[in-house]
ModelCIF file with pLDDT and N, C-alpha, C, O atoms, coordinates in Angstrom:
data_MODEL
#
_entry.id   MODEL 
#
_entity.id                         1 
_entity.type                       polymer 
_entity.pdbx_number_of_molecules   1 
#
_entity_poly.entity_id                      1 
_entity_poly.type                           'polypeptide(L)' 
_entity_poly.nstd_linkage                   no 
_entity_poly.nstd_monomer                   no 
_entity_poly.pdbx_seq_one_letter_code       
;(UNK)(UNK)(UNK)(UNK)(UNK)(UNK)(UNK)(UNK)(UNK)(UNK)(UNK)(UNK)(UNK)(UNK)(UNK)(UNK)
(UNK)(UNK)(UNK)(UNK)(UNK)(UNK)(UNK)(UNK)(UNK)(UNK)(UNK)(UNK)(UNK)(UNK)(UNK)(UNK)
(UNK)(UNK)(UNK)(UNK)
;
_entity_poly.pdbx_seq_one_letter_code_can   XXXXXXXXXXXXXXXXXXXXXXXXXXXXXXXXXXXX 
_entity_poly.pdbx_strand_id                 A 
#
loop_
_entity_poly_seq.entity_id 
_entity_poly_seq.num 
_entity_poly_seq.mon_id 
_entity_poly_seq.hetero 
1 1  UNK n 
1 2  UNK n 
1 3  UNK n 
1 4  UNK n 
1 5  UNK n 
1 6  UNK n 
1 7  UNK n 
1 8  UNK n 
1 9  UNK n 
1 10 UNK n 
1 11 UNK n 
1 12 UNK n 
1 13 UNK n 
1 14 UNK n 
1 15 UNK n 
1 16 UNK n 
1 17 UNK n 
1 18 UNK n 
1 19 UNK n 
1 20 UNK n 
1 21 UNK n 
1 22 UNK n 
1 23 UNK n 
1 24 UNK n 
1 25 UNK n 
1 26 UNK n 
1 27 UNK n 
1 28 UNK n 
1 29 UNK n 
1 30 UNK n 
1 31 UNK n 
1 32 UNK n 
1 33 UNK n 
1 34 UNK n 
1 35 UNK n 
1 36 UNK n 
#
_struct_asym.id          A 
_struct_asym.entity_id   1 
#
loop_
_ma_qa_metric.id 
_ma_qa_metric.mode 
_ma_qa_metric.name 
_ma_qa_metric.software_group_id 
_ma_qa_metric.type 
1 global pLDDT . pLDDT 
2 local  pLDDT . pLDDT 
#
_ma_qa_metric_global.metric_id      1 
_ma_qa_metric_global.metric_value   92.92 
_ma_qa_metric_global.model_id       1 
_ma_qa_metric_global.ordinal_id     1 
#
loop_
_ma_qa_metric_local.label_asym_id 
_ma_qa_metric_local.label_comp_id 
_ma_qa_metric_local.label_seq_id 
_ma_qa_metric_local.metric_id 
_ma_qa_metric_local.metric_value 
_ma_qa_metric_local.model_id 
_ma_qa_metric_local.ordinal_id 
A UNK 1  2 96.00 1 1  
A UNK 2  2 94.00 1 2  
A UNK 3  2 91.00 1 3  
A UNK 4  2 87.00 1 4  
A UNK 5  2 89.00 1 5  
A UNK 6  2 91.00 1 6  
A UNK 7  2 93.00 1 7  
A UNK 8  2 93.00 1 8  
A UNK 9  2 93.00 1 9  
A UNK 10 2 95.00 1 10 
A UNK 11 2 96.00 1 11 
A UNK 12 2 96.00 1 12 
A UNK 13 2 96.00 1 13 
A UNK 14 2 97.00 1 14 
A UNK 15 2 97.00 1 15 
A UNK 16 2 97.00 1 16 
A UNK 17 2 96.00 1 17 
A UNK 18 2 96.00 1 18 
A UNK 19 2 96.00 1 19 
A UNK 20 2 95.00 1 20 
A UNK 21 2 94.00 1 21 
A UNK 22 2 90.00 1 22 
A UNK 23 2 88.00 1 23 
A UNK 24 2 88.00 1 24 
A UNK 25 2 87.00 1 25 
A UNK 26 2 91.00 1 26 
A UNK 27 2 94.00 1 27 
A UNK 28 2 95.00 1 28 
A UNK 29 2 96.00 1 29 
A UNK 30 2 93.00 1 30 
A UNK 31 2 91.00 1 31 
A UNK 32 2 89.00 1 32 
A UNK 33 2 90.00 1 33 
A UNK 34 2 92.00 1 34 
A UNK 35 2 92.00 1 35 
A UNK 36 2 91.00 1 36 
#
loop_
_atom_site.group_PDB 
_atom_site.id 
_atom_site.type_symbol 
_atom_site.label_atom_id 
_atom_site.label_alt_id 
_atom_site.label_comp_id 
_atom_site.label_asym_id 
_atom_site.label_entity_id 
_atom_site.label_seq_id 
_atom_site.pdbx_PDB_ins_code 
_atom_site.Cartn_x 
_atom_site.Cartn_y 
_atom_site.Cartn_z 
_atom_site.occupancy 
_atom_site.B_iso_or_equiv 
_atom_site.pdbx_formal_charge 
_atom_site.auth_seq_id 
_atom_site.auth_comp_id 
_atom_site.auth_asym_id 
_atom_site.auth_atom_id 
_atom_site.pdbx_PDB_model_num 
ATOM 1   N N  . UNK A 1 1  ? -1.556  -2.463 3.053  1.00 96.00 ? 1  UNK A N  1 
ATOM 2   C CA . UNK A 1 1  ? -0.699  -3.140 2.076  1.00 96.00 ? 1  UNK A CA 1 
ATOM 3   C C  . UNK A 1 1  ? 0.751   -2.871 2.425  1.00 96.00 ? 1  UNK A C  1 
ATOM 4   O O  . UNK A 1 1  ? 1.140   -1.730 2.673  1.00 96.00 ? 1  UNK A O  1 
ATOM 5   N N  . UNK A 1 2  ? 1.549   -3.930 2.442  1.00 94.00 ? 2  UNK A N  1 
ATOM 6   C CA . UNK A 1 2  ? 2.924   -3.792 2.901  1.00 94.00 ? 2  UNK A CA 1 
ATOM 7   C C  . UNK A 1 2  ? 3.886   -4.627 2.073  1.00 94.00 ? 2  UNK A C  1 
ATOM 8   O O  . UNK A 1 2  ? 3.635   -5.800 1.796  1.00 94.00 ? 2  UNK A O  1 
ATOM 9   N N  . UNK A 1 3  ? 4.991   -4.003 1.681  1.00 91.00 ? 3  UNK A N  1 
ATOM 10  C CA . UNK A 1 3  ? 6.104   -4.694 1.054  1.00 91.00 ? 3  UNK A CA 1 
ATOM 11  C C  . UNK A 1 3  ? 7.388   -4.261 1.729  1.00 91.00 ? 3  UNK A C  1 
ATOM 12  O O  . UNK A 1 3  ? 7.547   -3.084 2.051  1.00 91.00 ? 3  UNK A O  1 
ATOM 13  N N  . UNK A 1 4  ? 8.312   -5.192 1.951  1.00 87.00 ? 4  UNK A N  1 
ATOM 14  C CA . UNK A 1 4  ? 9.502   -4.894 2.749  1.00 87.00 ? 4  UNK A CA 1 
ATOM 15  C C  . UNK A 1 4  ? 10.611  -4.234 1.937  1.00 87.00 ? 4  UNK A C  1 
ATOM 16  O O  . UNK A 1 4  ? 11.179  -3.233 2.374  1.00 87.00 ? 4  UNK A O  1 
ATOM 17  N N  . UNK A 1 5  ? 10.932  -4.778 0.757  1.00 89.00 ? 5  UNK A N  1 
ATOM 18  C CA . UNK A 1 5  ? 12.030  -4.232 -0.038 1.00 89.00 ? 5  UNK A CA 1 
ATOM 19  C C  . UNK A 1 5  ? 11.588  -2.951 -0.743 1.00 89.00 ? 5  UNK A C  1 
ATOM 20  O O  . UNK A 1 5  ? 10.414  -2.585 -0.698 1.00 89.00 ? 5  UNK A O  1 
ATOM 21  N N  . UNK A 1 6  ? 12.527  -2.279 -1.389 1.00 91.00 ? 6  UNK A N  1 
ATOM 22  C CA . UNK A 1 6  ? 12.233  -1.018 -2.078 1.00 91.00 ? 6  UNK A CA 1 
ATOM 23  C C  . UNK A 1 6  ? 11.192  -1.235 -3.172 1.00 91.00 ? 6  UNK A C  1 
ATOM 24  O O  . UNK A 1 6  ? 10.218  -0.488 -3.264 1.00 91.00 ? 6  UNK A O  1 
ATOM 25  N N  . UNK A 1 7  ? 11.398  -2.263 -4.004 1.00 93.00 ? 7  UNK A N  1 
ATOM 26  C CA . UNK A 1 7  ? 10.463  -2.502 -5.105 1.00 93.00 ? 7  UNK A CA 1 
ATOM 27  C C  . UNK A 1 7  ? 9.132   -3.056 -4.604 1.00 93.00 ? 7  UNK A C  1 
ATOM 28  O O  . UNK A 1 7  ? 8.082   -2.707 -5.142 1.00 93.00 ? 7  UNK A O  1 
ATOM 29  N N  . UNK A 1 8  ? 9.156   -3.907 -3.593 1.00 93.00 ? 8  UNK A N  1 
ATOM 30  C CA . UNK A 1 8  ? 7.900   -4.424 -3.040 1.00 93.00 ? 8  UNK A CA 1 
ATOM 31  C C  . UNK A 1 8  ? 7.092   -3.299 -2.399 1.00 93.00 ? 8  UNK A C  1 
ATOM 32  O O  . UNK A 1 8  ? 5.867   -3.272 -2.510 1.00 93.00 ? 8  UNK A O  1 
ATOM 33  N N  . UNK A 1 9  ? 7.775   -2.373 -1.731 1.00 93.00 ? 9  UNK A N  1 
ATOM 34  C CA . UNK A 1 9  ? 7.072   -1.215 -1.158 1.00 93.00 ? 9  UNK A CA 1 
ATOM 35  C C  . UNK A 1 9  ? 6.481   -0.353 -2.256 1.00 93.00 ? 9  UNK A C  1 
ATOM 36  O O  . UNK A 1 9  ? 5.384   0.187  -2.110 1.00 93.00 ? 9  UNK A O  1 
ATOM 37  N N  . UNK A 1 10 ? 7.214   -0.222 -3.363 1.00 95.00 ? 10 UNK A N  1 
ATOM 38  C CA . UNK A 1 10 ? 6.695   0.543  -4.504 1.00 95.00 ? 10 UNK A CA 1 
ATOM 39  C C  . UNK A 1 10 ? 5.451   -0.126 -5.074 1.00 95.00 ? 10 UNK A C  1 
ATOM 40  O O  . UNK A 1 10 ? 4.472   0.546  -5.397 1.00 95.00 ? 10 UNK A O  1 
ATOM 41  N N  . UNK A 1 11 ? 5.491   -1.454 -5.196 1.00 96.00 ? 11 UNK A N  1 
ATOM 42  C CA . UNK A 1 11 ? 4.318   -2.182 -5.687 1.00 96.00 ? 11 UNK A CA 1 
ATOM 43  C C  . UNK A 1 11 ? 3.143   -2.042 -4.731 1.00 96.00 ? 11 UNK A C  1 
ATOM 44  O O  . UNK A 1 11 ? 1.996   -1.937 -5.165 1.00 96.00 ? 11 UNK A O  1 
ATOM 45  N N  . UNK A 1 12 ? 3.424   -2.040 -3.426 1.00 96.00 ? 12 UNK A N  1 
ATOM 46  C CA . UNK A 1 12 ? 2.337   -1.919 -2.443 1.00 96.00 ? 12 UNK A CA 1 
ATOM 47  C C  . UNK A 1 12 ? 1.612   -0.587 -2.591 1.00 96.00 ? 12 UNK A C  1 
ATOM 48  O O  . UNK A 1 12 ? 0.394   -0.524 -2.425 1.00 96.00 ? 12 UNK A O  1 
ATOM 49  N N  . UNK A 1 13 ? 2.347   0.474  -2.902 1.00 96.00 ? 13 UNK A N  1 
ATOM 50  C CA . UNK A 1 13 ? 1.697   1.777  -3.082 1.00 96.00 ? 13 UNK A CA 1 
ATOM 51  C C  . UNK A 1 13 ? 0.808   1.777  -4.322 1.00 96.00 ? 13 UNK A C  1 
ATOM 52  O O  . UNK A 1 13 ? -0.287  2.340  -4.299 1.00 96.00 ? 13 UNK A O  1 
ATOM 53  N N  . UNK A 1 14 ? 1.264   1.159  -5.389 1.00 97.00 ? 14 UNK A N  1 
ATOM 54  C CA . UNK A 1 14 ? 0.458   1.087  -6.608 1.00 97.00 ? 14 UNK A CA 1 
ATOM 55  C C  . UNK A 1 14 ? -0.791  0.230  -6.388 1.00 97.00 ? 14 UNK A C  1 
ATOM 56  O O  . UNK A 1 14 ? -1.866  0.568  -6.883 1.00 97.00 ? 14 UNK A O  1 
ATOM 57  N N  . UNK A 1 15 ? -0.659  -0.865 -5.658 1.00 97.00 ? 15 UNK A N  1 
ATOM 58  C CA . UNK A 1 15 ? -1.816  -1.721 -5.381 1.00 97.00 ? 15 UNK A CA 1 
ATOM 59  C C  . UNK A 1 15 ? -2.822  -0.976 -4.502 1.00 97.00 ? 15 UNK A C  1 
ATOM 60  O O  . UNK A 1 15 ? -4.027  -1.047 -4.741 1.00 97.00 ? 15 UNK A O  1 
ATOM 61  N N  . UNK A 1 16 ? -2.334  -0.270 -3.496 1.00 97.00 ? 16 UNK A N  1 
ATOM 62  C CA . UNK A 1 16 ? -3.234  0.503  -2.622 1.00 97.00 ? 16 UNK A CA 1 
ATOM 63  C C  . UNK A 1 16 ? -3.981  1.566  -3.424 1.00 97.00 ? 16 UNK A C  1 
ATOM 64  O O  . UNK A 1 16 ? -5.173  1.779  -3.205 1.00 97.00 ? 16 UNK A O  1 
ATOM 65  N N  . UNK A 1 17 ? -3.294  2.233  -4.348 1.00 96.00 ? 17 UNK A N  1 
ATOM 66  C CA . UNK A 1 17 ? -3.954  3.223  -5.210 1.00 96.00 ? 17 UNK A CA 1 
ATOM 67  C C  . UNK A 1 17 ? -5.065  2.572  -6.021 1.00 96.00 ? 17 UNK A C  1 
ATOM 68  O O  . UNK A 1 17 ? -6.161  3.121  -6.138 1.00 96.00 ? 17 UNK A O  1 
ATOM 69  N N  . UNK A 1 18 ? -4.777  1.393  -6.584 1.00 96.00 ? 18 UNK A N  1 
ATOM 70  C CA . UNK A 1 18 ? -5.776  0.691  -7.393 1.00 96.00 ? 18 UNK A CA 1 
ATOM 71  C C  . UNK A 1 18 ? -6.976  0.274  -6.554 1.00 96.00 ? 18 UNK A C  1 
ATOM 72  O O  . UNK A 1 18 ? -8.112  0.332  -7.024 1.00 96.00 ? 18 UNK A O  1 
ATOM 73  N N  . UNK A 1 19 ? -6.732  -0.144 -5.322 1.00 96.00 ? 19 UNK A N  1 
ATOM 74  C CA . UNK A 1 19 ? -7.836  -0.534 -4.436 1.00 96.00 ? 19 UNK A CA 1 
ATOM 75  C C  . UNK A 1 19 ? -8.708  0.666  -4.083 1.00 96.00 ? 19 UNK A C  1 
ATOM 76  O O  . UNK A 1 19 ? -9.934  0.559  -4.043 1.00 96.00 ? 19 UNK A O  1 
ATOM 77  N N  . UNK A 1 20 ? -8.076  1.801  -3.828 1.00 95.00 ? 20 UNK A N  1 
ATOM 78  C CA . UNK A 1 20 ? -8.851  3.012  -3.521 1.00 95.00 ? 20 UNK A CA 1 
ATOM 79  C C  . UNK A 1 20 ? -9.697  3.437  -4.718 1.00 95.00 ? 20 UNK A C  1 
ATOM 80  O O  . UNK A 1 20 ? -10.865 3.795  -4.563 1.00 95.00 ? 20 UNK A O  1 
ATOM 81  N N  . UNK A 1 21 ? -9.111  3.396  -5.903 1.00 94.00 ? 21 UNK A N  1 
ATOM 82  C CA . UNK A 1 21 ? -9.846  3.786  -7.100 1.00 94.00 ? 21 UNK A CA 1 
ATOM 83  C C  . UNK A 1 21 ? -10.998 2.829  -7.389 1.00 94.00 ? 21 UNK A C  1 
ATOM 84  O O  . UNK A 1 21 ? -12.042 3.243  -7.891 1.00 94.00 ? 21 UNK A O  1 
ATOM 85  N N  . UNK A 1 22 ? -10.809 1.556  -7.074 1.00 90.00 ? 22 UNK A N  1 
ATOM 86  C CA . UNK A 1 22 ? -11.817 0.547  -7.395 1.00 90.00 ? 22 UNK A CA 1 
ATOM 87  C C  . UNK A 1 22 ? -13.039 0.657  -6.507 1.00 90.00 ? 22 UNK A C  1 
ATOM 88  O O  . UNK A 1 22 ? -14.155 0.419  -6.969 1.00 90.00 ? 22 UNK A O  1 
ATOM 89  N N  . UNK A 1 23 ? -12.855 1.013  -5.239 1.00 88.00 ? 23 UNK A N  1 
ATOM 90  C CA . UNK A 1 23 ? -13.966 0.941  -4.283 1.00 88.00 ? 23 UNK A CA 1 
ATOM 91  C C  . UNK A 1 23 ? -14.283 2.258  -3.591 1.00 88.00 ? 23 UNK A C  1 
ATOM 92  O O  . UNK A 1 23 ? -15.384 2.426  -3.067 1.00 88.00 ? 23 UNK A O  1 
ATOM 93  N N  . UNK A 1 24 ? -13.348 3.188  -3.577 1.00 88.00 ? 24 UNK A N  1 
ATOM 94  C CA . UNK A 1 24 ? -13.546 4.408  -2.813 1.00 88.00 ? 24 UNK A CA 1 
ATOM 95  C C  . UNK A 1 24 ? -13.294 4.227  -1.328 1.00 88.00 ? 24 UNK A C  1 
ATOM 96  O O  . UNK A 1 24 ? -13.418 5.178  -0.556 1.00 88.00 ? 24 UNK A O  1 
ATOM 97  N N  . UNK A 1 25 ? -12.939 3.009  -0.919 1.00 87.00 ? 25 UNK A N  1 
ATOM 98  C CA . UNK A 1 25 ? -12.639 2.717  0.487  1.00 87.00 ? 25 UNK A CA 1 
ATOM 99  C C  . UNK A 1 25 ? -11.164 3.019  0.748  1.00 87.00 ? 25 UNK A C  1 
ATOM 100 O O  . UNK A 1 25 ? -10.328 2.739  -0.112 1.00 87.00 ? 25 UNK A O  1 
ATOM 101 N N  . UNK A 1 26 ? -10.817 3.583  1.910  1.00 91.00 ? 26 UNK A N  1 
ATOM 102 C CA . UNK A 1 26 ? -9.403  3.847  2.196  1.00 91.00 ? 26 UNK A CA 1 
ATOM 103 C C  . UNK A 1 26 ? -8.574  2.568  2.121  1.00 91.00 ? 26 UNK A C  1 
ATOM 104 O O  . UNK A 1 26 ? -8.989  1.512  2.599  1.00 91.00 ? 26 UNK A O  1 
ATOM 105 N N  . UNK A 1 27 ? -7.405  2.684  1.518  1.00 94.00 ? 27 UNK A N  1 
ATOM 106 C CA . UNK A 1 27 ? -6.428  1.601  1.498  1.00 94.00 ? 27 UNK A CA 1 
ATOM 107 C C  . UNK A 1 27 ? -5.074  2.239  1.734  1.00 94.00 ? 27 UNK A C  1 
ATOM 108 O O  . UNK A 1 27 ? -4.732  3.228  1.085  1.00 94.00 ? 27 UNK A O  1 
ATOM 109 N N  . UNK A 1 28 ? -4.304  1.689  2.649  1.00 95.00 ? 28 UNK A N  1 
ATOM 110 C CA . UNK A 1 28 ? -3.058  2.319  3.064  1.00 95.00 ? 28 UNK A CA 1 
ATOM 111 C C  . UNK A 1 28 ? -1.875  1.416  2.753  1.00 95.00 ? 28 UNK A C  1 
ATOM 112 O O  . UNK A 1 28 ? -1.866  0.238  3.110  1.00 95.00 ? 28 UNK A O  1 
ATOM 113 N N  . UNK A 1 29 ? -0.882  1.981  2.087  1.00 96.00 ? 29 UNK A N  1 
ATOM 114 C CA . UNK A 1 29 ? 0.404   1.313  1.895  1.00 96.00 ? 29 UNK A CA 1 
ATOM 115 C C  . UNK A 1 29 ? 1.436   2.081  2.703  1.00 96.00 ? 29 UNK A C  1 
ATOM 116 O O  . UNK A 1 29 ? 1.598   3.288  2.523  1.00 96.00 ? 29 UNK A O  1 
ATOM 117 N N  . UNK A 1 30 ? 2.128   1.393  3.583  1.00 93.00 ? 30 UNK A N  1 
ATOM 118 C CA . UNK A 1 30 ? 3.087   2.076  4.457  1.00 93.00 ? 30 UNK A CA 1 
ATOM 119 C C  . UNK A 1 30 ? 4.107   1.062  4.962  1.00 93.00 ? 30 UNK A C  1 
ATOM 120 O O  . UNK A 1 30 ? 3.985   -0.139 4.722  1.00 93.00 ? 30 UNK A O  1 
ATOM 121 N N  . UNK A 1 31 ? 5.115   1.572  5.665  1.00 91.00 ? 31 UNK A N  1 
ATOM 122 C CA . UNK A 1 31 ? 6.126   0.717  6.249  1.00 91.00 ? 31 UNK A CA 1 
ATOM 123 C C  . UNK A 1 31 ? 5.657   0.069  7.540  1.00 91.00 ? 31 UNK A C  1 
ATOM 124 O O  . UNK A 1 31 ? 4.581   0.371  8.056  1.00 91.00 ? 31 UNK A O  1 
ATOM 125 N N  . UNK A 1 32 ? 6.486   -0.824 8.045  1.00 89.00 ? 32 UNK A N  1 
ATOM 126 C CA . UNK A 1 32 ? 6.120   -1.584 9.244  1.00 89.00 ? 32 UNK A CA 1 
ATOM 127 C C  . UNK A 1 32 ? 5.853   -0.673 10.435 1.00 89.00 ? 32 UNK A C  1 
ATOM 128 O O  . UNK A 1 32 ? 4.898   -0.891 11.180 1.00 89.00 ? 32 UNK A O  1 
ATOM 129 N N  . UNK A 1 33 ? 6.685   0.341  10.620 1.00 90.00 ? 33 UNK A N  1 
ATOM 130 C CA . UNK A 1 33 ? 6.535   1.206  11.790 1.00 90.00 ? 33 UNK A CA 1 
ATOM 131 C C  . UNK A 1 33 ? 5.240   2.006  11.736 1.00 90.00 ? 33 UNK A C  1 
ATOM 132 O O  . UNK A 1 33 ? 4.671   2.337  12.777 1.00 90.00 ? 33 UNK A O  1 
ATOM 133 N N  . UNK A 1 34 ? 4.770   2.318  10.532 1.00 92.00 ? 34 UNK A N  1 
ATOM 134 C CA . UNK A 1 34 ? 3.518   3.059  10.406 1.00 92.00 ? 34 UNK A CA 1 
ATOM 135 C C  . UNK A 1 34 ? 2.303   2.148  10.566 1.00 92.00 ? 34 UNK A C  1 
ATOM 136 O O  . UNK A 1 34 ? 1.265   2.582  11.065 1.00 92.00 ? 34 UNK A O  1 
ATOM 137 N N  . UNK A 1 35 ? 2.423   0.892  10.146 1.00 92.00 ? 35 UNK A N  1 
ATOM 138 C CA . UNK A 1 35 ? 1.280   -0.018 10.208 1.00 92.00 ? 35 UNK A CA 1 
ATOM 139 C C  . UNK A 1 35 ? 1.082   -0.638 11.587 1.00 92.00 ? 35 UNK A C  1 
ATOM 140 O O  . UNK A 1 35 ? -0.046  -0.933 11.981 1.00 92.00 ? 35 UNK A O  1 
ATOM 141 N N  . UNK A 1 36 ? 2.175   -0.837 12.318 1.00 91.00 ? 36 UNK A N  1 
ATOM 142 C CA . UNK A 1 36 ? 2.064   -1.503 13.622 1.00 91.00 ? 36 UNK A CA 1 
ATOM 143 C C  . UNK A 1 36 ? 1.089   -0.817 14.576 1.00 91.00 ? 36 UNK A C  1 
ATOM 144 O O  . UNK A 1 36 ? 0.903   -1.275 15.703 1.00 91.00 ? 36 UNK A O  1 
#
């Protein structure tokens, strides 16, 4: 999960947390350099 701006990145972390809680499957929210 990726968001570019400060608030979009903040939302991406919350969405990734919700995905992990929903399924138990790893979900990663990070910046472009970490995801590439």
